[in-house]
C-alpha atoms as a PDB file:
ATOM      1  CA  UNK A   1     100.546  79.909 107.174  1.00  0.00           C
ATOM      2  CA  UNK A   2     103.301  82.449 107.855  1.00  0.00           C
ATOM      3  CA  UNK A   3     101.380  85.577 108.707  1.00  0.00           C
ATOM      4  CA  UNK A   4     103.467  88.725 108.382  1.00  0.00           C
ATOM      5  CA  UNK A   5     101.090  91.017 110.264  1.00  0.00           C
ATOM      6  CA  UNK A   6     101.177  88.976 113.449  1.00  0.00           C
ATOM      7  CA  UNK A   7     100.500  90.410 116.910  1.00  0.00           C
ATOM      8  CA  UNK A   8     104.183  91.037 117.587  1.00  0.00           C
ATOM      9  CA  UNK A   9     104.698  93.143 114.458  1.00  0.00           C
ATOM     10  CA  UNK A  10     101.403  94.988 114.936  1.00  0.00           C
ATOM     11  CA  UNK A  11     102.447  95.863 118.488  1.00  0.00           C
ATOM     12  CA  UNK A  12     105.837  97.132 117.253  1.00  0.00           C
ATOM     13  CA  UNK A  13     104.180  99.327 114.656  1.00  0.00           C
ATOM     14  CA  UNK A  14     101.751 100.686 117.225  1.00  0.00           C
ATOM     15  CA  UNK A  15     104.619 101.465 119.577  1.00  0.00           C
ATOM     16  CA  UNK A  16     106.495 103.223 116.768  1.00  0.00           C
ATOM     17  CA  UNK A  17     103.427 105.381 116.072  1.00  0.00           C
ATOM     18  CA  UNK A  18     103.153 106.249 119.743  1.00  0.00           C
ATOM     19  CA  UNK A  19     106.843 107.111 120.084  1.00  0.00           C
ATOM     20  CA  UNK A  20     106.788 109.396 117.036  1.00  0.00           C
ATOM     21  CA  UNK A  21     103.583 111.109 118.152  1.00  0.00           C
ATOM     22  CA  UNK A  22     105.037 111.728 121.625  1.00  0.00           C
ATOM     23  CA  UNK A  23     108.166 113.168 120.019  1.00  0.00           C
ATOM     24  CA  UNK A  24     105.902 115.520 118.044  1.00  0.00           C
ATOM     25  CA  UNK A  25     103.828 116.375 121.119  1.00  0.00           C
ATOM     26  CA  UNK A  26     100.458 115.100 119.907  1.00  0.00           C
ATOM     27  CA  UNK A  27      98.018 112.379 120.917  1.00  0.00           C
ATOM     28  CA  UNK A  28      96.860 110.090 118.133  1.00  0.00           C
ATOM     29  CA  UNK A  29      94.753 107.111 117.273  1.00  0.00           C
ATOM     30  CA  UNK A  30      96.351 104.284 115.307  1.00  0.00           C
ATOM     31  CA  UNK A  31      94.932 101.298 113.401  1.00  0.00           C
ATOM     32  CA  UNK A  32      96.139  98.373 111.328  1.00  0.00           C
ATOM     33  CA  UNK A  33      93.884  96.452 108.941  1.00  0.00           C
ATOM     34  CA  UNK A  34      94.640  93.341 106.922  1.00  0.00           C
ATOM     35  CA  UNK A  35      94.433  93.072 103.126  1.00  0.00           C
ATOM     36  CA  UNK A  36      90.779  92.042 103.330  1.00  0.00           C
ATOM     37  CA  UNK A  37      89.832  95.201 105.222  1.00  0.00           C
ATOM     38  CA  UNK A  38      89.518  93.545 108.631  1.00  0.00           C
ATOM     39  CA  UNK A  39      90.874  95.183 111.792  1.00  0.00           C
ATOM     40  CA  UNK A  40      93.977  93.785 113.439  1.00  0.00           C
ATOM     41  CA  UNK A  41      94.735  96.566 115.922  1.00  0.00           C
ATOM     42  CA  UNK A  42      93.240  99.844 117.096  1.00  0.00           C
ATOM     43  CA  UNK A  43      94.508 102.170 119.805  1.00  0.00           C
ATOM     44  CA  UNK A  44      93.581 105.667 120.965  1.00  0.00           C
ATOM     45  CA  UNK A  45      96.338 107.368 122.936  1.00  0.00           C
ATOM     46  CA  UNK A  46      95.744 110.072 125.549  1.00  0.00           C
ATOM     47  CA  UNK A  47      93.446 112.830 124.410  1.00  0.00           C
ATOM     48  CA  UNK A  48      93.413 112.018 120.709  1.00  0.00           C
ATOM     49  CA  UNK A  49      90.419 113.732 119.101  1.00  0.00           C
ATOM     50  CA  UNK A  50      87.203 111.755 119.351  1.00  0.00           C
ATOM     51  CA  UNK A  51      86.725 112.053 115.583  1.00  0.00           C
ATOM     52  CA  UNK A  52      89.916 110.029 115.141  1.00  0.00           C
ATOM     53  CA  UNK A  53      88.134 106.993 116.617  1.00  0.00           C
ATOM     54  CA  UNK A  54      86.071 106.695 113.423  1.00  0.00           C
ATOM     55  CA  UNK A  55      88.448 108.234 110.886  1.00  0.00           C
ATOM     56  CA  UNK A  56      91.546 106.213 111.735  1.00  0.00           C
ATOM     57  CA  UNK A  57      89.983 102.777 111.157  1.00  0.00           C
ATOM     58  CA  UNK A  58      88.573 104.118 107.880  1.00  0.00           C
ATOM     59  CA  UNK A  59      92.033 105.361 106.872  1.00  0.00           C
ATOM     60  CA  UNK A  60      93.575 101.923 107.496  1.00  0.00           C
ATOM     61  CA  UNK A  61      90.696 100.168 105.708  1.00  0.00           C
ATOM     62  CA  UNK A  62      90.866 102.489 102.709  1.00  0.00           C
ATOM     63  CA  UNK A  63      94.635 102.143 102.322  1.00  0.00           C
ATOM     64  CA  UNK A  64      94.381  98.340 102.564  1.00  0.00           C
ATOM     65  CA  UNK A  65      91.550  97.780 100.081  1.00  0.00           C
ATOM     66  CA  UNK A  66      92.512 100.521  97.620  1.00  0.00           C
ATOM     67  CA  UNK A  67      96.271  99.695  97.687  1.00  0.00           C
ATOM     68  CA  UNK A  68      97.289 103.349  97.986  1.00  0.00           C
ATOM     69  CA  UNK A  69      97.674 106.172 100.483  1.00  0.00           C
ATOM     70  CA  UNK A  70      94.435 107.981 101.258  1.00  0.00           C
ATOM     71  CA  UNK A  71      96.093 111.223 100.126  1.00  0.00           C
ATOM     72  CA  UNK A  72      96.613 109.746  96.633  1.00  0.00           C
ATOM     73  CA  UNK A  73      93.052 108.413  96.545  1.00  0.00           C
ATOM     74  CA  UNK A  74      91.813 111.905  97.396  1.00  0.00           C
ATOM     75  CA  UNK A  75      93.551 113.234  94.270  1.00  0.00           C
ATOM     76  CA  UNK A  76      92.011 110.518  92.087  1.00  0.00           C
ATOM     77  CA  UNK A  77      88.532 111.009  93.582  1.00  0.00           C
ATOM     78  CA  UNK A  78      88.245 114.766  93.106  1.00  0.00           C
ATOM     79  CA  UNK A  79      85.787 116.306  90.630  1.00  0.00           C
ATOM     80  CA  UNK A  80      86.603 115.005  87.182  1.00  0.00           C
ATOM     81  CA  UNK A  81      89.083 112.434  88.522  1.00  0.00           C
ATOM     82  CA  UNK A  82      89.032 108.813  87.347  1.00  0.00           C
ATOM     83  CA  UNK A  83      87.622 107.646  90.710  1.00  0.00           C
ATOM     84  CA  UNK A  84      85.280 110.610  91.289  1.00  0.00           C
ATOM     85  CA  UNK A  85      82.573 109.755  93.826  1.00  0.00           C
ATOM     86  CA  UNK A  86      84.168 106.483  94.945  1.00  0.00           C
ATOM     87  CA  UNK A  87      83.726 107.421  98.604  1.00  0.00           C
ATOM     88  CA  UNK A  88      79.964 107.672  98.033  1.00  0.00           C
ATOM     89  CA  UNK A  89      79.767 103.966  97.196  1.00  0.00           C
ATOM     90  CA  UNK A  90      81.317 102.639 100.390  1.00  0.00           C
ATOM     91  CA  UNK A  91      80.869 104.351 103.750  1.00  0.00           C
ATOM     92  CA  UNK A  92      84.167 102.879 105.001  1.00  0.00           C
ATOM     93  CA  UNK A  93      86.205 104.712 102.346  1.00  0.00           C
ATOM     94  CA  UNK A  94      87.744 108.004 103.461  1.00  0.00           C
ATOM     95  CA  UNK A  95      89.742 110.575 101.549  1.00  0.00           C
ATOM     96  CA  UNK A  96      91.350 112.021 104.675  1.00  0.00           C
ATOM     97  CA  UNK A  97      95.142 111.791 104.701  1.00  0.00           C
ATOM     98  CA  UNK A  98      96.939 109.513 107.159  1.00  0.00           C
ATOM     99  CA  UNK A  99      96.199 106.101 105.640  1.00  0.00           C
ATOM    100  CA  UNK A 100      99.005 104.082 104.016  1.00  0.00           C
ATOM    101  CA  UNK A 101      99.116 100.576 102.529  1.00  0.00           C
ATOM    102  CA  UNK A 102     101.614  97.983 103.721  1.00  0.00           C
ATOM    103  CA  UNK A 103     103.433  96.236 100.883  1.00  0.00           C
ATOM    104  CA  UNK A 104     105.613  93.119 100.842  1.00  0.00           C
ATOM    105  CA  UNK A 105     107.145  92.104  97.524  1.00  0.00           C
ATOM    106  CA  UNK A 106     104.755  94.315  95.540  1.00  0.00           C
ATOM    107  CA  UNK A 107     101.722  92.796  97.289  1.00  0.00           C
ATOM    108  CA  UNK A 108      99.501  94.825  99.595  1.00  0.00           C
ATOM    109  CA  UNK A 109      99.112  92.922 102.865  1.00  0.00           C
ATOM    110  CA  UNK A 110      97.196  95.580 104.795  1.00  0.00           C
ATOM    111  CA  UNK A 111      97.050  99.219 105.754  1.00  0.00           C
ATOM    112  CA  UNK A 112      97.705 101.587 108.622  1.00  0.00           C
ATOM    113  CA  UNK A 113      95.807 104.660 109.724  1.00  0.00           C
ATOM    114  CA  UNK A 114      97.005 107.559 111.852  1.00  0.00           C
ATOM    115  CA  UNK A 115      94.885 110.444 113.086  1.00  0.00           C
ATOM    116  CA  UNK A 116      94.913 113.185 115.645  1.00  0.00           C
ATOM    117  CA  UNK A 117      97.465 115.554 114.184  1.00  0.00           C
ATOM    118  CA  UNK A 118      97.041 118.654 112.089  1.00  0.00           C
ATOM    119  CA  UNK A 119      97.995 119.180 108.508  1.00  0.00           C
ATOM    120  CA  UNK A 120     100.743 116.797 107.522  1.00  0.00           C
ATOM    121  CA  UNK A 121     101.447 115.444 111.044  1.00  0.00           C
ATOM    122  CA  UNK A 122      99.441 112.249 110.491  1.00  0.00           C
ATOM    123  CA  UNK A 123     101.426 111.543 107.321  1.00  0.00           C
ATOM    124  CA  UNK A 124     104.751 112.156 109.076  1.00  0.00           C
ATOM    125  CA  UNK A 125     103.859 109.633 111.767  1.00  0.00           C
ATOM    126  CA  UNK A 126     102.513 107.100 109.258  1.00  0.00           C
ATOM    127  CA  UNK A 127     105.635 107.373 107.111  1.00  0.00           C
ATOM    128  CA  UNK A 128     107.777 106.788 110.194  1.00  0.00           C
ATOM    129  CA  UNK A 129     105.731 103.661 110.970  1.00  0.00           C
ATOM    130  CA  UNK A 130     106.271 102.502 107.376  1.00  0.00           C
ATOM    131  CA  UNK A 131     110.028 102.876 107.832  1.00  0.00           C
ATOM    132  CA  UNK A 132     109.849 100.664 110.937  1.00  0.00           C
ATOM    133  CA  UNK A 133     107.705  98.156 109.046  1.00  0.00           C
ATOM    134  CA  UNK A 134     110.304  97.864 106.280  1.00  0.00           C
ATOM    135  CA  UNK A 135     113.137  97.674 108.797  1.00  0.00           C
ATOM    136  CA  UNK A 136     111.393  94.789 110.595  1.00  0.00           C
ATOM    137  CA  UNK A 137     110.860  92.925 107.324  1.00  0.00           C
ATOM    138  CA  UNK A 138     114.537  93.154 106.486  1.00  0.00           C
ATOM    139  CA  UNK A 139     115.802  91.851 109.851  1.00  0.00           C
END
């Protein structure tokens, strides 16, 4: 089986997350999960907040199994939303931004999670990692 999220690609994505976070001057945690919600890689860099050690894997899991960024899921899960209360049914689901799905040919093959930044910093790093992911697929 040709596995896209092999160790080499996971390591490249982790390195990309680290490089971008260093450029931004923050320490992060980073995770990659496969499409079934199983961990492939986790790394805590420097003094990334301790809370990121639990949130980041949840961000990657959520993005992978829900096929959408955690930020989008947050919108759908708010009071009155079509997925209201979803996070109460599965303790691994998080609505904290920084989780993004990985797509190949319109199929979700996994998810990434970034945490440790403030505000939109996690999303900026994750979106950079996504750009590297797509670049690697096209080479």
